[in-house]
C-alpha atoms as a PDB file:
ATOM      1  CA  MET A   1       0.209  -0.159   0.071  1.00  0.00           C
ATOM      2  CA  ASN A   2       1.170   3.546  -0.957  1.00  0.00           C
ATOM      3  CA  SER A   3       2.468   5.391   1.823  1.00  0.00           C
ATOM      4  CA  ASN A   4       2.438   8.598   0.302  1.00  0.00           C
ATOM      5  CA  HIS A   5      -0.804  10.362   0.265  1.00  0.00           C
ATOM      6  CA  GLU A   6      -1.606  13.817  -1.885  1.00  0.00           C
ATOM      7  CA  TYR A   7      -4.181  16.083  -0.818  1.00  0.00           C
ATOM      8  CA  THR A   8      -6.100  18.879  -3.119  1.00  0.00           C
ATOM      9  CA  ALA A   9      -7.204  21.813  -1.392  1.00  0.00           C
ATOM     10  CA  GLY A  10     -10.659  22.100   0.111  1.00  0.00           C
ATOM     11  CA  ALA A  11     -10.454  18.438   0.622  1.00  0.00           C
ATOM     12  CA  ARG A  12     -10.428  16.406   3.905  1.00  0.00           C
ATOM     13  CA  PRO A  13      -7.862  14.162   4.096  1.00  0.00           C
ATOM     14  CA  GLY A  14      -8.805  10.757   3.328  1.00  0.00           C
ATOM     15  CA  HIS A  15     -10.283  11.789   0.377  1.00  0.00           C
ATOM     16  CA  SER A  16      -8.884  10.540  -2.702  1.00  0.00           C
ATOM     17  CA  ARG A  17      -7.604  13.262  -5.551  1.00  0.00           C
ATOM     18  CA  LYS A  18     -10.343  11.633  -7.659  1.00  0.00           C
ATOM     19  CA  ALA A  19     -13.236  12.934  -5.670  1.00  0.00           C
ATOM     20  CA  ALA A  20     -11.144  16.667  -5.998  1.00  0.00           C
ATOM     21  CA  ALA A  21     -11.208  15.853  -9.713  1.00  0.00           C
ATOM     22  CA  MET A  22     -14.857  14.863  -9.982  1.00  0.00           C
ATOM     23  CA  GLY A  23     -15.706  18.276  -8.247  1.00  0.00           C
ATOM     24  CA  VAL A  24     -16.657  17.558  -5.104  1.00  0.00           C
ATOM     25  CA  PHE A  25     -15.245  19.590  -2.557  1.00  0.00           C
ATOM     26  CA  LEU A  26     -15.802  20.095   1.057  1.00  0.00           C
ATOM     27  CA  LEU A  27     -15.518  23.485   2.360  1.00  0.00           C
ATOM     28  CA  LEU A  28     -14.311  24.269   5.959  1.00  0.00           C
ATOM     29  CA  PRO A  29     -17.151  25.755   8.169  1.00  0.00           C
ATOM     30  CA  SER A  30     -16.654  29.278   9.257  1.00  0.00           C
ATOM     31  CA  PHE A  31     -17.263  31.104  12.564  1.00  0.00           C
ATOM     32  CA  CYS A  32     -18.133  35.082  13.705  1.00  0.00           C
ATOM     33  CA  LEU A  33     -17.500  36.364  17.049  1.00  0.00           C
ATOM     34  CA  THR A  34     -19.525  39.136  17.458  1.00  0.00           C
ATOM     35  CA  ALA A  35     -18.688  41.006  21.063  1.00  0.00           C
ATOM     36  CA  MET A  36     -21.860  42.120  23.026  1.00  0.00           C
ATOM     37  CA  VAL A  37     -21.225  44.945  25.039  1.00  0.00           C
ATOM     38  CA  SER A  38     -23.621  46.530  27.215  1.00  0.00           C
ATOM     39  CA  GLU A  39     -23.900  50.582  28.685  1.00  0.00           C
ATOM     40  CA  THR A  40     -23.829  50.928  32.114  1.00  0.00           C
ATOM     41  CA  LEU A  41     -24.825  54.867  31.980  1.00  0.00           C
ATOM     42  CA  ALA A  42     -24.247  57.883  34.540  1.00  0.00           C
ATOM     43  CA  PHE A  43     -22.717  55.783  37.184  1.00  0.00           C
ATOM     44  CA  PRO A  44     -21.591  58.286  40.090  1.00  0.00           C
ATOM     45  CA  VAL A  45     -18.408  58.371  41.810  1.00  0.00           C
ATOM     46  CA  PRO A  46     -18.765  58.334  45.929  1.00  0.00           C
ATOM     47  CA  PRO A  47     -19.377  61.256  47.819  1.00  0.00           C
ATOM     48  CA  THR A  48     -22.964  60.946  45.920  1.00  0.00           C
ATOM     49  CA  THR A  49     -24.769  63.168  48.028  1.00  0.00           C
ATOM     50  CA  PRO A  50     -23.575  66.937  48.367  1.00  0.00           C
ATOM     51  CA  SER A  51     -24.280  68.155  51.620  1.00  0.00           C
ATOM     52  CA  TYR A  52     -24.182  72.184  52.270  1.00  0.00           C
ATOM     53  CA  ASN A  53     -24.089  74.341  55.674  1.00  0.00           C
ATOM     54  CA  ALA A  54     -25.410  77.642  54.760  1.00  0.00           C
ATOM     55  CA  SER A  55     -25.900  80.648  56.973  1.00  0.00           C
ATOM     56  CA  ILE A  56     -26.812  84.496  57.450  1.00  0.00           C
ATOM     57  CA  ALA A  57     -23.124  85.230  57.252  1.00  0.00           C
ATOM     58  CA  ASN A  58     -22.753  82.674  54.119  1.00  0.00           C
ATOM     59  CA  PRO A  59     -25.392  81.836  52.373  1.00  0.00           C
ATOM     60  CA  THR A  60     -23.299  80.625  49.307  1.00  0.00           C
ATOM     61  CA  PRO A  61     -20.785  77.446  50.857  1.00  0.00           C
ATOM     62  CA  PRO A  62     -18.366  76.442  48.598  1.00  0.00           C
ATOM     63  CA  ALA A  63     -19.390  74.589  45.701  1.00  0.00           C
ATOM     64  CA  GLN A  64     -19.122  70.563  45.540  1.00  0.00           C
ATOM     65  CA  THR A  65     -18.733  68.232  42.310  1.00  0.00           C
ATOM     66  CA  VAL A  66     -19.899  65.227  41.345  1.00  0.00           C
ATOM     67  CA  THR A  67     -17.935  62.759  39.492  1.00  0.00           C
ATOM     68  CA  PHE A  68     -19.674  59.867  36.796  1.00  0.00           C
ATOM     69  CA  SER A  69     -18.357  57.596  34.424  1.00  0.00           C
ATOM     70  CA  LYS A  70     -20.035  55.566  31.635  1.00  0.00           C
ATOM     71  CA  LYS A  71     -18.919  51.859  30.863  1.00  0.00           C
ATOM     72  CA  SER A  72     -19.034  51.913  27.202  1.00  0.00           C
ATOM     73  CA  LEU A  73     -16.896  52.572  24.266  1.00  0.00           C
ATOM     74  CA  VAL A  74     -19.493  54.758  22.450  1.00  0.00           C
ATOM     75  CA  PRO A  75     -19.606  58.018  23.086  1.00  0.00           C
ATOM     76  CA  ARG A  76     -23.010  59.482  24.309  1.00  0.00           C
ATOM     77  CA  PRO A  77     -24.657  62.784  25.057  1.00  0.00           C
ATOM     78  CA  TRP A  78     -25.598  63.800  28.495  1.00  0.00           C
ATOM     79  CA  THR A  79     -27.345  66.683  30.218  1.00  0.00           C
ATOM     80  CA  ALA A  80     -27.646  67.769  34.104  1.00  0.00           C
ATOM     81  CA  ALA A  81     -30.451  69.603  35.519  1.00  0.00           C
ATOM     82  CA  SER A  82     -31.996  70.444  38.828  1.00  0.00           C
ATOM     83  CA  ASP A  83     -35.151  70.590  40.294  1.00  0.00           C
ATOM     84  CA  ALA A  84     -34.420  73.244  43.172  1.00  0.00           C
ATOM     85  CA  ALA A  85     -34.189  77.251  42.348  1.00  0.00           C
ATOM     86  CA  TRP A  86     -31.323  77.655  44.738  1.00  0.00           C
ATOM     87  CA  LEU A  87     -29.407  74.809  43.185  1.00  0.00           C
ATOM     88  CA  THR A  88     -27.364  75.310  39.873  1.00  0.00           C
ATOM     89  CA  ILE A  89     -25.222  73.120  38.115  1.00  0.00           C
ATOM     90  CA  SER A  90     -22.208  73.710  35.740  1.00  0.00           C
ATOM     91  CA  PRO A  91     -22.032  72.515  33.027  1.00  0.00           C
ATOM     92  CA  SER A  92     -25.053  71.371  32.194  1.00  0.00           C
ATOM     93  CA  GLY A  93     -24.485  68.700  29.194  1.00  0.00           C
ATOM     94  CA  GLY A  94     -21.403  67.176  27.661  1.00  0.00           C
ATOM     95  CA  THR A  95     -20.033  63.669  26.143  1.00  0.00           C
ATOM     96  CA  ILE A  96     -18.940  60.887  27.526  1.00  0.00           C
ATOM     97  CA  ALA A  97     -17.679  57.650  26.784  1.00  0.00           C
ATOM     98  CA  ARG A  98     -15.220  55.419  29.080  1.00  0.00           C
ATOM     99  CA  GLU A  99     -13.755  58.264  30.659  1.00  0.00           C
ATOM    100  CA  GLN A 100     -14.826  60.138  33.600  1.00  0.00           C
ATOM    101  CA  ASP A 101     -17.006  63.199  33.696  1.00  0.00           C
ATOM    102  CA  GLN A 102     -17.724  66.024  36.321  1.00  0.00           C
ATOM    103  CA  ILE A 103     -20.144  68.453  36.873  1.00  0.00           C
ATOM    104  CA  THR A 104     -19.886  71.260  40.042  1.00  0.00           C
ATOM    105  CA  VAL A 105     -22.948  71.704  41.913  1.00  0.00           C
ATOM    106  CA  GLN A 106     -23.792  75.126  44.080  1.00  0.00           C
ATOM    107  CA  VAL A 107     -26.078  76.447  46.530  1.00  0.00           C
ATOM    108  CA  ASN A 108     -27.566  79.776  47.201  1.00  0.00           C
ATOM    109  CA  ALA A 109     -29.623  80.228  50.142  1.00  0.00           C
ATOM    110  CA  SER A 110     -30.137  83.987  50.099  1.00  0.00           C
ATOM    111  CA  GLY A 111     -33.743  84.204  50.888  1.00  0.00           C
ATOM    112  CA  LEU A 112     -34.642  81.171  52.371  1.00  0.00           C
ATOM    113  CA  PRO A 113     -35.840  80.829  56.448  1.00  0.00           C
ATOM    114  CA  ALA A 114     -33.875  78.830  58.705  1.00  0.00           C
ATOM    115  CA  GLY A 115     -34.383  74.794  57.913  1.00  0.00           C
ATOM    116  CA  THR A 116     -33.419  72.192  56.310  1.00  0.00           C
ATOM    117  CA  TYR A 117     -34.104  71.667  52.257  1.00  0.00           C
ATOM    118  CA  ASP A 118     -33.242  68.396  49.555  1.00  0.00           C
ATOM    119  CA  GLY A 119     -32.941  68.761  46.366  1.00  0.00           C
ATOM    120  CA  THR A 120     -31.891  66.688  43.261  1.00  0.00           C
ATOM    121  CA  VAL A 121     -29.365  66.731  40.311  1.00  0.00           C
ATOM    122  CA  ARG A 122     -30.392  64.444  37.381  1.00  0.00           C
ATOM    123  CA  ILE A 123     -27.730  63.380  35.242  1.00  0.00           C
ATOM    124  CA  SER A 124     -30.028  61.797  31.908  1.00  0.00           C
ATOM    125  CA  ILE A 125     -27.517  59.659  29.034  1.00  0.00           C
ATOM    126  CA  GLU A 126     -29.179  58.430  25.784  1.00  0.00           C
ATOM    127  CA  ASP A 127     -28.878  55.130  25.394  1.00  0.00           C
ATOM    128  CA  LYS A 128     -27.770  52.774  22.243  1.00  0.00           C
ATOM    129  CA  ASN A 129     -31.564  52.074  21.933  1.00  0.00           C
ATOM    130  CA  GLY A 130     -32.515  55.663  21.822  1.00  0.00           C
ATOM    131  CA  ARG A 131     -34.139  55.691  25.404  1.00  0.00           C
ATOM    132  CA  THR A 132     -32.961  58.017  28.205  1.00  0.00           C
ATOM    133  CA  GLN A 133     -31.808  57.037  31.377  1.00  0.00           C
ATOM    134  CA  VAL A 134     -31.833  59.340  34.075  1.00  0.00           C
ATOM    135  CA  THR A 135     -29.667  58.680  37.762  1.00  0.00           C
ATOM    136  CA  PRO A 136     -31.033  61.095  40.203  1.00  0.00           C
ATOM    137  CA  VAL A 137     -28.016  62.724  42.728  1.00  0.00           C
ATOM    138  CA  PRO A 138     -29.505  63.625  46.130  1.00  0.00           C
ATOM    139  CA  VAL A 139     -28.608  66.983  47.486  1.00  0.00           C
ATOM    140  CA  ALA A 140     -28.891  68.194  50.741  1.00  0.00           C
ATOM    141  CA  LEU A 141     -28.978  71.606  52.280  1.00  0.00           C
ATOM    142  CA  VAL A 142     -28.935  73.768  56.185  1.00  0.00           C
ATOM    143  CA  VAL A 143     -29.703  76.805  56.655  1.00  0.00           C
ATOM    144  CA  ALA A 144     -29.148  78.086  60.126  1.00  0.00           C
ATOM    145  CA  GLY A 145     -28.873  81.300  62.166  1.00  0.00           C
ATOM    146  CA  GLY A 146     -32.012  82.725  60.575  1.00  0.00           C
ATOM    147  CA  THR A 147     -33.248  84.378  57.241  1.00  0.00           C
ATOM    148  CA  ALA A 148     -29.688  84.433  54.881  1.00  0.00           C
ATOM    149  CA  THR A 149     -29.152  87.038  52.327  1.00  0.00           C
ATOM    150  CA  SER A 150     -26.713  88.291  49.722  1.00  0.00           C
ATOM    151  CA  GLY A 151     -25.366  91.177  50.619  1.00  0.00           C
ATOM    152  CA  THR A 152     -25.541  92.410  53.745  1.00  0.00           C
ATOM    153  CA  ALA A 153     -26.573  89.890  56.234  1.00  0.00           C
ATOM    154  CA  THR A 154     -29.853  90.549  58.548  1.00  0.00           C
ATOM    155  CA  SER A 155     -31.065  88.477  61.424  1.00  0.00           C
ATOM    156  CA  THR A 156     -34.399  87.094  61.822  1.00  0.00           C
ATOM    157  CA  PRO A 157     -35.525  87.666  65.844  1.00  0.00           C
ATOM    158  CA  SER A 158     -36.806  85.558  67.982  1.00  0.00           C
ATOM    159  CA  LEU A 159     -38.587  85.108  71.178  1.00  0.00           C
ATOM    160  CA  SER A 160     -37.839  84.231  74.505  1.00  0.00           C
ATOM    161  CA  LEU A 161     -39.879  84.487  77.672  1.00  0.00           C
ATOM    162  CA  ASN A 162     -38.974  83.914  81.540  1.00  0.00           C
ATOM    163  CA  PRO A 163     -40.339  82.992  83.256  1.00  0.00           C
ATOM    164  CA  ALA A 164     -42.208  80.254  81.244  1.00  0.00           C
ATOM    165  CA  SER A 165     -45.136  80.199  83.449  1.00  0.00           C
ATOM    166  CA  LEU A 166     -46.751  82.265  86.820  1.00  0.00           C
ATOM    167  CA  SER A 167     -48.350  81.153  89.920  1.00  0.00           C
ATOM    168  CA  PHE A 168     -50.217  83.254  92.428  1.00  0.00           C
ATOM    169  CA  SER A 169     -52.071  82.709  95.429  1.00  0.00           C
ATOM    170  CA  GLY A 170     -53.741  84.133  97.693  1.00  0.00           C
ATOM    171  CA  THR A 171     -57.167  84.478 100.289  1.00  0.00           C
ATOM    172  CA  ALA A 172     -60.568  84.689  98.826  1.00  0.00           C
ATOM    173  CA  GLY A 173     -61.909  88.074  99.544  1.00  0.00           C
ATOM    174  CA  GLY A 174     -58.128  89.110 100.720  1.00  0.00           C
ATOM    175  CA  THR A 175     -55.383  91.350  99.673  1.00  0.00           C
ATOM    176  CA  ALA A 176     -54.363  90.462  96.325  1.00  0.00           C
ATOM    177  CA  PRO A 177     -50.853  88.776  95.865  1.00  0.00           C
ATOM    178  CA  SER A 178     -48.021  90.972  94.484  1.00  0.00           C
ATOM    179  CA  ALA A 179     -47.431  91.386  90.716  1.00  0.00           C
ATOM    180  CA  LYS A 180     -44.976  89.214  89.228  1.00  0.00           C
ATOM    181  CA  THR A 181     -42.444  90.174  86.300  1.00  0.00           C
ATOM    182  CA  ILE A 182     -42.159  88.454  82.686  1.00  0.00           C
ATOM    183  CA  ASN A 183     -38.855  89.376  81.374  1.00  0.00           C
ATOM    184  CA  LEU A 184     -39.150  89.393  77.451  1.00  0.00           C
ATOM    185  CA  SER A 185     -35.863  89.325  75.206  1.00  0.00           C
ATOM    186  CA  ASN A 186     -34.570  89.071  71.308  1.00  0.00           C
ATOM    187  CA  PRO A 187     -31.344  86.531  71.424  1.00  0.00           C
ATOM    188  CA  THR A 188     -31.055  86.652  68.213  1.00  0.00           C
ATOM    189  CA  GLY A 189     -30.780  90.038  66.600  1.00  0.00           C
ATOM    190  CA  GLY A 190     -33.105  92.307  64.421  1.00  0.00           C
ATOM    191  CA  THR A 191     -36.017  93.964  65.746  1.00  0.00           C
ATOM    192  CA  LEU A 192     -38.781  91.784  67.418  1.00  0.00           C
ATOM    193  CA  THR A 193     -42.407  93.377  67.559  1.00  0.00           C
ATOM    194  CA  TRP A 194     -44.513  91.799  70.144  1.00  0.00           C
ATOM    195  CA  THR A 195     -47.964  91.746  71.397  1.00  0.00           C
ATOM    196  CA  LEU A 196     -49.499  89.751  74.420  1.00  0.00           C
ATOM    197  CA  ALA A 197     -53.295  88.789  75.320  1.00  0.00           C
ATOM    198  CA  GLU A 198     -54.866  87.426  78.402  1.00  0.00           C
ATOM    199  CA  PRO A 199     -58.475  86.147  78.142  1.00  0.00           C
ATOM    200  CA  ALA A 200     -58.950  86.148  82.077  1.00  0.00           C
ATOM    201  CA  SER A 201     -60.899  88.976  83.777  1.00  0.00           C
ATOM    202  CA  TRP A 202     -58.617  88.437  86.811  1.00  0.00           C
ATOM    203  CA  LEU A 203     -55.404  89.100  85.088  1.00  0.00           C
ATOM    204  CA  SER A 204     -54.138  92.002  83.778  1.00  0.00           C
ATOM    205  CA  LEU A 205     -50.831  93.598  82.167  1.00  0.00           C
ATOM    206  CA  ASN A 206     -48.982  96.809  82.094  1.00  0.00           C
ATOM    207  CA  VAL A 207     -48.530  97.023  78.617  1.00  0.00           C
ATOM    208  CA  ALA A 208     -49.922  95.665  75.133  1.00  0.00           C
ATOM    209  CA  GLY A 209     -47.035  95.167  73.491  1.00  0.00           C
ATOM    210  CA  GLY A 210     -43.823  96.580  71.704  1.00  0.00           C
ATOM    211  CA  THR A 211     -40.792  95.981  70.195  1.00  0.00           C
ATOM    212  CA  THR A 212     -37.186  94.779  71.663  1.00  0.00           C
ATOM    213  CA  LYS A 213     -33.717  94.432  69.901  1.00  0.00           C
ATOM    214  CA  THR A 214     -30.393  93.690  72.398  1.00  0.00           C
ATOM    215  CA  GLU A 215     -32.813  94.741  75.705  1.00  0.00           C
ATOM    216  CA  ILE A 216     -34.791  92.844  77.921  1.00  0.00           C
ATOM    217  CA  ASP A 217     -38.280  94.234  78.543  1.00  0.00           C
ATOM    218  CA  ALA A 218     -39.896  93.523  81.686  1.00  0.00           C
ATOM    219  CA  VAL A 219     -44.009  92.694  81.612  1.00  0.00           C
ATOM    220  CA  SER A 220     -46.139  93.419  84.993  1.00  0.00           C
ATOM    221  CA  ALA A 221     -48.735  90.573  85.395  1.00  0.00           C
ATOM    222  CA  SER A 222     -51.202  91.165  88.193  1.00  0.00           C
ATOM    223  CA  VAL A 223     -54.387  89.302  89.164  1.00  0.00           C
ATOM    224  CA  SER A 224     -57.571  90.315  91.322  1.00  0.00           C
ATOM    225  CA  THR A 225     -59.178  88.681  93.682  1.00  0.00           C
ATOM    226  CA  THR A 226     -62.277  90.550  94.345  1.00  0.00           C
ATOM    227  CA  GLY A 227     -65.391  88.709  93.644  1.00  0.00           C
ATOM    228  CA  LEU A 228     -63.512  85.386  93.293  1.00  0.00           C
ATOM    229  CA  ALA A 229     -64.230  82.412  95.371  1.00  0.00           C
ATOM    230  CA  ALA A 230     -62.026  79.970  96.514  1.00  0.00           C
ATOM    231  CA  GLY A 231     -60.344  77.034  94.497  1.00  0.00           C
ATOM    232  CA  THR A 232     -57.794  77.360  91.662  1.00  0.00           C
ATOM    233  CA  TYR A 233     -57.946  79.381  88.686  1.00  0.00           C
ATOM    234  CA  SER A 234     -56.386  78.881  85.381  1.00  0.00           C
ATOM    235  CA  THR A 235     -55.675  81.267  82.298  1.00  0.00           C
ATOM    236  CA  ALA A 236     -52.327  81.648  79.780  1.00  0.00           C
ATOM    237  CA  ILE A 237     -50.890  84.778  78.642  1.00  0.00           C
ATOM    238  CA  THR A 238     -50.472  84.520  74.489  1.00  0.00           C
ATOM    239  CA  VAL A 239     -47.568  86.158  72.964  1.00  0.00           C
ATOM    240  CA  THR A 240     -47.564  86.517  69.585  1.00  0.00           C
ATOM    241  CA  ALA A 241     -44.204  88.176  67.548  1.00  0.00           C
ATOM    242  CA  THR A 242     -44.240  89.014  63.858  1.00  0.00           C
ATOM    243  CA  GLY A 243     -41.293  87.673  62.095  1.00  0.00           C
ATOM    244  CA  ALA A 244     -40.040  85.618  64.734  1.00  0.00           C
ATOM    245  CA  ALA A 245     -39.042  82.256  63.868  1.00  0.00           C
ATOM    246  CA  ASN A 246     -40.724  80.816  66.873  1.00  0.00           C
ATOM    247  CA  SER A 247     -43.845  82.854  67.159  1.00  0.00           C
ATOM    248  CA  SER A 248     -46.298  82.611  68.833  1.00  0.00           C
ATOM    249  CA  GLN A 249     -45.970  81.358  72.773  1.00  0.00           C
ATOM    250  CA  THR A 250     -48.133  80.777  75.482  1.00  0.00           C
ATOM    251  CA  ILE A 251     -47.333  81.218  79.480  1.00  0.00           C
ATOM    252  CA  PRO A 252     -49.783  79.557  81.878  1.00  0.00           C
ATOM    253  CA  VAL A 253     -51.021  81.500  84.963  1.00  0.00           C
ATOM    254  CA  THR A 254     -52.533  79.661  87.924  1.00  0.00           C
ATOM    255  CA  LEU A 255     -54.157  81.909  90.901  1.00  0.00           C
ATOM    256  CA  THR A 256     -55.226  79.945  93.788  1.00  0.00           C
ATOM    257  CA  LEU A 257     -57.308  81.031  96.595  1.00  0.00           C
ATOM    258  CA  SER A 258     -57.735  78.984 100.142  1.00  0.00           C
ATOM    259  CA  PRO A 259     -60.950  79.890 102.272  1.00  0.00           C
ATOM    260  CA  PRO A 260     -60.628  82.921 104.273  1.00  0.00           C
ATOM    261  CA  THR A 261     -60.622  82.626 108.072  1.00  0.00           C
ATOM    262  CA  ALA A 262     -61.997  84.816 110.936  1.00  0.00           C
ATOM    263  CA  SER A 263     -59.885  85.201 113.765  1.00  0.00           C
ATOM    264  CA  GLY A 264     -58.897  88.134 113.302  1.00  0.00           C
ATOM    265  CA  THR A 265     -59.413  91.194 115.873  1.00  0.00           C
ATOM    266  CA  ALA A 266     -58.567  94.911 116.190  1.00  0.00           C
ATOM    267  CA  SER A 267     -58.878  97.113 119.517  1.00  0.00           C
ATOM    268  CA  LEU A 268     -59.411 100.601 119.240  1.00  0.00           C
ATOM    269  CA  THR A 269     -59.088 103.515 121.953  1.00  0.00           C
ATOM    270  CA  TRP A 270     -59.881 107.161 121.024  1.00  0.00           C
ATOM    271  CA  ASP A 271     -59.853 110.660 123.355  1.00  0.00           C
ATOM    272  CA  PRO A 272     -63.259 111.489 124.722  1.00  0.00           C
ATOM    273  CA  ASN A 273     -65.217 114.090 123.605  1.00  0.00           C
ATOM    274  CA  THR A 274     -66.037 116.876 125.668  1.00  0.00           C
ATOM    275  CA  GLU A 275     -69.552 118.159 124.342  1.00  0.00           C
ATOM    276  CA  ALA A 276     -72.038 118.325 127.337  1.00  0.00           C
ATOM    277  CA  ASN A 277     -74.551 116.887 124.853  1.00  0.00           C
ATOM    278  CA  LEU A 278     -72.782 113.965 124.071  1.00  0.00           C
ATOM    279  CA  ALA A 279     -74.894 110.814 123.020  1.00  0.00           C
ATOM    280  CA  GLY A 280     -72.361 108.381 122.096  1.00  0.00           C
ATOM    281  CA  TYR A 281     -69.809 106.673 119.364  1.00  0.00           C
ATOM    282  CA  ASN A 282     -70.037 105.379 116.557  1.00  0.00           C
ATOM    283  CA  VAL A 283     -67.330 102.813 114.537  1.00  0.00           C
ATOM    284  CA  TYR A 284     -66.678 102.758 110.950  1.00  0.00           C
ATOM    285  CA  PHE A 285     -64.347  99.979 109.097  1.00  0.00           C
ATOM    286  CA  GLY A 286     -63.901  98.504 105.893  1.00  0.00           C
ATOM    287  CA  THR A 287     -61.140  96.853 103.615  1.00  0.00           C
ATOM    288  CA  GLN A 288     -60.655  99.572 101.485  1.00  0.00           C
ATOM    289  CA  PRO A 289     -59.590 103.306 103.008  1.00  0.00           C
ATOM    290  CA  GLY A 290     -62.285 105.495 103.545  1.00  0.00           C
ATOM    291  CA  ILE A 291     -65.038 103.114 102.268  1.00  0.00           C
ATOM    292  CA  TYR A 292     -67.143 101.805 105.204  1.00  0.00           C
ATOM    293  CA  GLY A 293     -69.761  99.202 105.637  1.00  0.00           C
ATOM    294  CA  ALA A 294     -72.772 100.276 108.325  1.00  0.00           C
ATOM    295  CA  PRO A 295     -71.692 102.000 112.001  1.00  0.00           C
ATOM    296  CA  VAL A 296     -71.355  99.643 115.126  1.00  0.00           C
ATOM    297  CA  SER A 297     -72.477 101.648 118.090  1.00  0.00           C
ATOM    298  CA  ALA A 298     -69.994 101.991 120.940  1.00  0.00           C
ATOM    299  CA  GLY A 299     -72.256 103.861 123.329  1.00  0.00           C
ATOM    300  CA  THR A 300     -70.221 106.526 125.137  1.00  0.00           C
ATOM    301  CA  ALA A 301     -67.191 104.119 126.176  1.00  0.00           C
ATOM    302  CA  THR A 302     -64.088 105.437 124.180  1.00  0.00           C
ATOM    303  CA  SER A 303     -62.524 102.052 123.284  1.00  0.00           C
ATOM    304  CA  TYR A 304     -63.762  99.160 121.161  1.00  0.00           C
ATOM    305  CA  THR A 305     -62.488  95.557 119.706  1.00  0.00           C
ATOM    306  CA  ALA A 306     -63.673  94.614 116.701  1.00  0.00           C
ATOM    307  CA  GLY A 307     -63.424  90.767 116.012  1.00  0.00           C
ATOM    308  CA  ASN A 308     -64.093  88.283 113.680  1.00  0.00           C
ATOM    309  CA  LEU A 309     -62.093  89.446 111.259  1.00  0.00           C
ATOM    310  CA  MET A 310     -60.744  87.959 108.267  1.00  0.00           C
ATOM    311  CA  GLY A 311     -57.200  87.294 107.917  1.00  0.00           C
ATOM    312  CA  GLY A 312     -55.129  88.383 104.784  1.00  0.00           C
ATOM    313  CA  LYS A 313     -56.785  91.378 104.970  1.00  0.00           C
ATOM    314  CA  THR A 314     -56.197  94.846 106.126  1.00  0.00           C
ATOM    315  CA  TYR A 315     -58.884  96.483 107.672  1.00  0.00           C
ATOM    316  CA  TYR A 316     -59.657 100.961 108.134  1.00  0.00           C
ATOM    317  CA  PHE A 317     -60.677 102.583 111.024  1.00  0.00           C
ATOM    318  CA  SER A 318     -62.462 105.503 111.744  1.00  0.00           C
ATOM    319  CA  VAL A 319     -65.005 107.447 114.942  1.00  0.00           C
ATOM    320  CA  THR A 320     -67.568 109.721 114.659  1.00  0.00           C
ATOM    321  CA  ALA A 321     -69.543 111.122 117.688  1.00  0.00           C
ATOM    322  CA  LEU A 322     -73.262 112.052 117.893  1.00  0.00           C
ATOM    323  CA  ASP A 323     -75.452 114.411 120.007  1.00  0.00           C
ATOM    324  CA  SER A 324     -78.175 114.398 121.767  1.00  0.00           C
ATOM    325  CA  THR A 325     -80.423 115.438 118.931  1.00  0.00           C
ATOM    326  CA  GLY A 326     -78.393 112.767 116.377  1.00  0.00           C
ATOM    327  CA  ASN A 327     -75.969 115.189 114.604  1.00  0.00           C
ATOM    328  CA  GLU A 328     -72.791 113.388 113.732  1.00  0.00           C
ATOM    329  CA  SER A 329     -69.664 114.751 113.404  1.00  0.00           C
ATOM    330  CA  LEU A 330     -66.441 114.516 110.972  1.00  0.00           C
ATOM    331  CA  HIS A 331     -64.552 111.212 110.810  1.00  0.00           C
ATOM    332  CA  SER A 332     -61.657 111.168 113.026  1.00  0.00           C
ATOM    333  CA  ILE A 333     -58.347 110.424 111.447  1.00  0.00           C
ATOM    334  CA  GLU A 334     -58.115 106.381 109.559  1.00  0.00           C
ATOM    335  CA  VAL A 335     -55.975 104.082 111.304  1.00  0.00           C
ATOM    336  CA  SER A 336     -55.348 100.719 109.983  1.00  0.00           C
ATOM    337  CA  LYS A 337     -54.519  97.455 111.102  1.00  0.00           C
ATOM    338  CA  PRO A 338     -53.253  94.385 108.825  1.00  0.00           C
ATOM    339  CA  ILE A 339     -54.752  91.049 110.134  1.00  0.00           C
ATOM    340  CA  LEU A 340     -52.390  87.922 109.479  1.00  0.00           C
ATOM    341  CA  GLN A 341     -53.730  84.881 108.071  1.00  0.00           C
END
């Protein structure tokens, strides 16, 4: 058997030249390799959440950057936009392939009251299928210390009250408790314009409103026990301040009246009247100067003891003389005595 083999181009080994001569060719199969490339668009690089702190003196803190990339060989156009008026972006668009692109994010808190604000930057890129993919980037802004303004800084006033509540105590029908003071101040600057309101008839204030800058204003609160029975009474003073960050506020007020006691006495003596027609003396007393109840006859004695006087009150006394025909003299000089509880 001949060990020398001949092959015809296009024929497989093992086939004879005869087959090739007959025009029978066996073609090698061909293979096509296609690379499938997927796109990942607008891939932010950390940090991906810009955060800013603004204040009255600094409404525009330093700008920050957001870096993003795209995992694709094919260049794609992109745009960036924000959803907040205080938020600006530069540049607003470009083209990106596999490199990293960067945008600058700036905030301006001018005119914003103190508080926390949230915004969003949206990076949009069109993919190979014509669809737009949007990647959101959250942005946080904190404004402190009042209203931030561009140019000259201004302050937002605030309301501070001390004490936070008032408490009075006394005796029903007795002398009114001493007045108490409320200190009103404006710790953050600017001009604070305030008004006071108190609904209870037994409570009164010496002023109804005013303005405060850096000083401390004192408000006097007083109560009246006239016509009030023993018990506890409650109300609240409302303080309203135009433009203040913490308006309005209330100051609770409590008045506690205990029942009166009737264990006090007052002893009076006076010089005798020398008129020959003297018939006797009348003793007058009451709990207000110059205002007395019905007279009490002391006869011709020159002394008198008043009993069953209510504790917690001050009593005022006066004496007159009567003649035999019923004529009454002028009142003597008034004297007084406080009755302890």
